[in-house]
Amino acid sequence: MKEHIDDILNSDLLERFVLGDVTIQERQKVDLLRIEHRAIREKITALEKAFSKVDGNDPKSSKDSRECIVKNISGSNVKAAAPPTFNLTPQSILSMWKYVAALLIGGFATWAFMQHQLSSSNELIIEQEAELAQLQSDCDFLNKQYAFINHTSSIPYLLDGKAFSKESQVVIYWNEQLEKSMLRVVELPAISSDQTYQLWADVEGRMLSLGTFDAGQAITDAIPMNYLSRASSLNITVESRGGSEHPTVSNLTASVSI
């Protein structure tokens, strides 16, 4: 096929095609070749541009001028013919529609690719915005935590478990002015998955719950707990998952008087 295309390029068929000096069969042949082969299209385009330039500069250009252009482009003497005529046969129309269809398919493929790239970019932007929002939320939480711990009325209390033969240490930041508290775990024994730690406040002889907490999370961050005024001590027990209404005294883990 490569030799066949080279033969076409080296012959005078394309020059005669542009000049209109071809048979119906030759025109149909070139129509098909120009769709299938880039080299054919480029050669035809070069010839058409050359003739257009001559006709535009000098409407009275002679056949000799056209023959000279063809000679310069193809390297051979070609007899110029009359201006091209168009013979619209079913075969040529079919060839034209094949060419148009190829252009439409190429254009659609390009559009689909650009849409895919745009969709991927939008998904990446959404993911980055979500990550940024999470970072902002974490930053806000840390700022509030830092502000509370360093508040002038926040008093840290160390709940020590050594009196109960357990290596337990928990810090409670207690703020009567703001009526808030936060808890941070230094060390607590591991418990089973069906158990939880629960914080209690002794208020006028009654043990009232200040909530349960996840020891692992409290090691990473100080977590907010409930607050009760007039508390005389703070205590931590191990209870069943979900917490209890009353503390299990035998499971007392750490305690401190305030």
Protein backbone atom coordinates (compact mmCIF):
# COMPACT_ATOMS: atom_id res chain seq x y z
CA MET A 1 0.00 0.00 0.00
CA LYS A 2 2.90 2.37 0.73
CA GLU A 3 4.24 1.84 -2.81
CA HIS A 4 0.78 2.42 -4.21
CA ILE A 5 0.44 5.79 -2.39
CA ASP A 6 3.92 6.84 -3.51
CA ASP A 7 2.95 6.05 -7.09
CA ILE A 8 -0.11 8.27 -6.75
CA LEU A 9 1.94 11.10 -5.24
CA ASN A 10 4.56 10.89 -7.98
CA SER A 11 2.02 10.77 -10.80
CA ASP A 12 0.06 13.68 -12.24
CA LEU A 13 -3.30 12.31 -10.99
CA LEU A 14 -3.61 14.71 -8.03
CA GLU A 15 -2.65 17.74 -10.14
CA ARG A 16 -5.22 16.80 -12.72
CA PHE A 17 -7.75 16.20 -9.95
CA VAL A 18 -7.27 19.72 -8.61
CA LEU A 19 -7.41 21.14 -12.15
CA GLY A 20 -10.55 19.15 -12.92
CA ASP A 21 -8.96 17.14 -15.70
CA VAL A 22 -9.96 13.67 -14.48
CA THR A 23 -12.52 11.06 -15.37
CA ILE A 24 -15.40 10.15 -13.07
CA GLN A 25 -13.59 6.97 -12.04
CA GLU A 26 -10.37 8.90 -11.26
CA ARG A 27 -12.28 11.46 -9.19
CA GLN A 28 -13.97 8.72 -7.15
CA LYS A 29 -10.60 7.05 -6.64
CA VAL A 30 -8.99 10.28 -5.36
CA ASP A 31 -12.02 11.01 -3.12
CA LEU A 32 -11.50 7.69 -1.35
CA LEU A 33 -7.72 8.09 -1.14
CA ARG A 34 -7.91 11.59 0.38
CA ILE A 35 -10.13 10.24 3.20
CA GLU A 36 -7.87 7.30 3.98
CA HIS A 37 -4.40 8.84 3.56
CA ARG A 38 -3.03 11.98 5.13
CA ALA A 39 -0.27 12.34 2.50
CA ILE A 40 -2.89 12.51 -0.26
CA ARG A 41 -4.86 15.20 1.62
CA GLU A 42 -1.75 17.27 2.22
CA LYS A 43 -0.69 17.11 -1.45
CA ILE A 44 -4.18 18.16 -2.63
CA THR A 45 -4.27 21.02 -0.08
CA ALA A 46 -0.86 22.27 -1.25
CA LEU A 47 -1.99 22.26 -4.89
CA GLU A 48 -5.27 24.03 -4.12
CA LYS A 49 -3.51 26.73 -2.10
CA ALA A 50 -1.01 27.32 -4.87
CA PHE A 51 -3.69 27.70 -7.54
CA SER A 52 -5.78 29.89 -5.23
CA LYS A 53 -2.81 32.20 -4.64
CA VAL A 54 -2.14 32.63 -8.34
CA ASP A 55 -5.78 33.24 -9.21
CA GLY A 56 -6.14 35.71 -6.33
CA ASN A 57 -3.12 37.78 -7.30
CA ASP A 58 -3.72 37.79 -11.04
CA PRO A 59 -7.20 36.91 -12.27
CA LYS A 60 -5.84 36.84 -15.83
CA SER A 61 -3.12 34.24 -15.08
CA SER A 62 -2.48 31.99 -18.05
CA LYS A 63 -2.34 28.26 -18.40
CA ASP A 64 1.44 28.59 -18.44
CA SER A 65 1.36 29.98 -14.86
CA ARG A 66 -0.63 27.02 -13.64
CA GLU A 67 1.65 24.61 -15.42
CA CYS A 68 4.63 26.28 -13.75
CA ILE A 69 3.06 25.87 -10.29
CA VAL A 70 2.32 22.22 -10.91
CA LYS A 71 5.88 21.72 -12.12
CA ASN A 72 7.30 23.34 -8.94
CA ILE A 73 5.14 21.24 -6.64
CA SER A 74 5.33 17.86 -8.33
CA GLY A 75 8.66 18.16 -10.13
CA SER A 76 7.08 17.14 -13.47
CA ASN A 77 5.54 18.90 -16.46
CA VAL A 78 1.79 18.72 -16.25
CA LYS A 79 -0.61 20.14 -18.72
CA ALA A 80 -2.99 22.60 -17.02
CA ALA A 81 -6.65 22.11 -17.64
CA ALA A 82 -9.77 24.19 -17.39
CA PRO A 83 -11.17 25.16 -13.94
CA PRO A 84 -12.47 22.12 -12.07
CA THR A 85 -15.98 20.93 -12.54
CA PHE A 86 -17.87 18.96 -9.91
CA ASN A 87 -19.52 15.71 -10.83
CA LEU A 88 -21.68 14.72 -7.87
CA THR A 89 -22.20 11.02 -8.20
CA PRO A 90 -23.62 8.69 -5.51
CA GLN A 91 -20.11 7.35 -4.94
CA SER A 92 -18.58 10.82 -4.44
CA ILE A 93 -21.40 11.84 -2.12
CA LEU A 94 -20.86 8.66 -0.11
CA SER A 95 -17.13 9.44 0.10
CA MET A 96 -17.89 12.95 1.29
CA TRP A 97 -20.20 11.68 4.01
CA LYS A 98 -17.55 9.20 5.14
CA TYR A 99 -15.13 12.09 5.53
CA VAL A 100 -17.69 14.17 7.45
CA ALA A 101 -18.51 11.20 9.67
CA ALA A 102 -14.81 10.74 10.46
CA LEU A 103 -14.54 14.39 11.47
CA LEU A 104 -17.66 14.15 13.66
CA ILE A 105 -16.41 10.99 15.37
CA GLY A 106 -13.02 12.61 16.03
CA GLY A 107 -14.69 15.73 17.40
CA PHE A 108 -16.95 13.72 19.69
CA ALA A 109 -14.01 11.69 20.99
CA THR A 110 -12.15 14.90 21.81
CA TRP A 111 -15.22 16.35 23.55
CA ALA A 112 -15.72 13.15 25.58
CA PHE A 113 -12.05 13.19 26.66
CA MET A 114 -12.28 16.82 27.78
CA GLN A 115 -15.49 16.07 29.72
CA HIS A 116 -13.75 13.18 31.48
CA GLN A 117 -10.79 15.38 32.38
CA LEU A 118 -13.14 18.10 33.67
CA SER A 119 -15.11 15.57 35.75
CA SER A 120 -11.88 14.19 37.27
CA SER A 121 -10.72 17.72 38.11
CA ASN A 122 -14.06 18.52 39.78
CA GLU A 123 -13.88 15.33 41.88
CA LEU A 124 -10.35 16.22 42.98
CA ILE A 125 -11.46 19.74 43.94
CA ILE A 126 -14.37 18.34 45.98
CA GLU A 127 -12.03 15.92 47.81
CA GLN A 128 -9.55 18.70 48.56
CA GLU A 129 -12.33 20.97 49.83
CA ALA A 130 -13.57 18.20 52.14
CA GLU A 131 -10.04 17.65 53.48
CA LEU A 132 -9.61 21.38 54.00
CA ALA A 133 -12.93 21.58 55.86
CA GLN A 134 -11.87 18.68 58.12
CA LEU A 135 -8.51 20.33 58.83
CA GLN A 136 -10.28 23.58 59.66
CA SER A 137 -12.64 21.75 62.02
CA ASP A 138 -9.71 19.99 63.74
CA CYS A 139 -7.87 23.29 64.06
CA ASP A 140 -10.92 24.99 65.60
CA PHE A 141 -11.29 22.15 68.11
CA LEU A 142 -7.64 22.32 69.13
CA ASN A 143 -7.83 26.10 69.52
CA LYS A 144 -10.90 25.80 71.77
CA GLN A 145 -9.24 23.01 73.75
CA TYR A 146 -6.08 25.05 74.22
CA ALA A 147 -8.07 28.15 75.23
CA PHE A 148 -10.06 26.20 77.84
CA ILE A 149 -7.07 24.41 79.35
CA ASN A 150 -5.18 27.71 79.62
CA HIS A 151 -8.16 29.67 80.93
CA THR A 152 -7.37 31.44 84.22
CA SER A 153 -10.23 29.62 86.00
CA SER A 154 -9.43 26.13 84.67
CA ILE A 155 -7.96 24.01 87.49
CA PRO A 156 -6.27 20.68 86.61
CA TYR A 157 -6.96 17.78 88.98
CA LEU A 158 -4.98 14.54 88.78
CA LEU A 159 -7.06 11.44 89.42
CA ASP A 160 -4.56 8.91 90.74
CA GLY A 161 -5.28 5.19 90.85
CA LYS A 162 -2.30 4.09 92.95
CA ALA A 163 -4.45 3.90 96.08
CA PHE A 164 -6.41 1.15 94.32
CA SER A 165 -3.29 -0.78 93.26
CA LYS A 166 -3.76 0.33 89.67
CA GLU A 167 -1.47 2.37 87.47
CA SER A 168 -4.08 4.95 86.48
CA GLN A 169 -3.67 8.68 85.95
CA VAL A 170 -6.28 11.01 84.47
CA VAL A 171 -6.30 14.82 84.41
CA ILE A 172 -9.60 16.72 84.77
CA TYR A 173 -9.65 20.43 83.88
CA TRP A 174 -12.39 21.88 86.07
CA ASN A 175 -13.73 25.41 85.47
CA GLU A 176 -16.39 26.70 87.87
CA GLN A 177 -16.62 30.09 86.12
CA LEU A 178 -17.45 28.57 82.73
CA GLU A 179 -19.17 25.55 84.30
CA LYS A 180 -17.30 23.20 81.99
CA SER A 181 -14.83 20.35 82.31
CA MET A 182 -12.45 18.42 80.06
CA LEU A 183 -10.73 15.07 80.61
CA ARG A 184 -7.38 13.80 79.38
CA VAL A 185 -6.01 10.30 79.98
CA VAL A 186 -2.37 9.86 80.95
CA GLU A 187 -2.67 6.13 81.65
CA LEU A 188 -5.52 3.68 82.20
CA PRO A 189 -5.61 -0.13 82.20
CA ALA A 190 -7.04 -1.83 79.11
CA ILE A 191 -10.65 -3.03 79.44
CA SER A 192 -12.78 -5.40 77.34
CA SER A 193 -14.92 -4.27 74.41
CA ASP A 194 -18.14 -4.68 76.44
CA GLN A 195 -16.90 -2.27 79.14
CA THR A 196 -16.43 1.49 79.36
CA TYR A 197 -14.92 4.07 81.72
CA GLN A 198 -17.36 6.38 83.49
CA LEU A 199 -16.71 9.65 85.34
CA TRP A 200 -18.63 10.46 88.54
CA ALA A 201 -18.95 13.53 90.75
CA ASP A 202 -19.68 13.27 94.49
CA VAL A 203 -22.29 15.97 95.12
CA GLU A 204 -23.49 16.16 98.74
CA GLY A 205 -22.92 12.45 99.26
CA ARG A 206 -24.49 11.33 95.98
CA MET A 207 -22.47 9.90 93.09
CA LEU A 208 -23.74 11.51 89.88
CA SER A 209 -22.57 10.57 86.40
CA LEU A 210 -20.62 13.06 84.30
CA GLY A 211 -20.58 10.71 81.29
CA THR A 212 -18.61 7.84 79.79
CA PHE A 213 -15.48 8.22 77.69
CA ASP A 214 -13.17 6.36 75.32
CA ALA A 215 -9.76 6.11 76.98
CA GLY A 216 -7.97 5.82 73.63
CA GLN A 217 -9.52 9.03 72.32
CA ALA A 218 -8.86 10.84 75.59
CA ILE A 219 -5.17 10.01 75.30
CA THR A 220 -5.00 11.78 71.95
CA ASP A 221 -7.15 14.81 72.83
CA ALA A 222 -8.71 16.35 75.90
CA ILE A 223 -12.41 15.58 75.55
CA PRO A 224 -15.33 17.57 77.03
CA MET A 225 -17.25 16.07 79.99
CA ASN A 226 -20.31 17.20 81.92
CA TYR A 227 -20.02 19.61 84.84
CA LEU A 228 -21.80 19.69 88.21
CA SER A 229 -21.37 22.44 90.76
CA ARG A 230 -20.71 21.69 94.43
CA ALA A 231 -18.81 18.50 93.57
CA SER A 232 -16.49 17.40 96.36
CA SER A 233 -14.66 14.64 94.46
CA LEU A 234 -14.25 13.16 91.01
CA ASN A 235 -14.11 9.42 90.44
CA ILE A 236 -13.65 6.95 87.58
CA THR A 237 -15.09 3.43 87.50
CA VAL A 238 -15.27 0.61 84.97
CA GLU A 239 -18.86 -0.07 83.91
CA SER A 240 -20.73 -2.12 81.33
CA ARG A 241 -20.81 -0.68 77.80
CA GLY A 242 -23.28 2.21 77.71
CA GLY A 243 -22.68 3.25 81.33
CA SER A 244 -24.52 2.69 84.60
CA GLU A 245 -26.98 4.67 86.74
CA HIS A 246 -24.94 3.93 89.85
CA PRO A 247 -21.17 3.43 90.15
CA THR A 248 -19.68 0.01 90.70
CA VAL A 249 -17.51 0.86 93.70
CA SER A 250 -15.51 -2.37 93.40
CA ASN A 251 -14.38 -1.18 89.96
CA LEU A 252 -13.13 2.20 91.18
CA THR A 253 -10.07 3.04 89.10
CA ALA A 254 -9.04 6.58 90.04
CA SER A 255 -10.25 9.38 92.32
CA VAL A 256 -9.43 12.90 93.54
CA SER A 257 -10.95 15.35 96.03
CA ILE A 258 -11.63 18.91 94.78
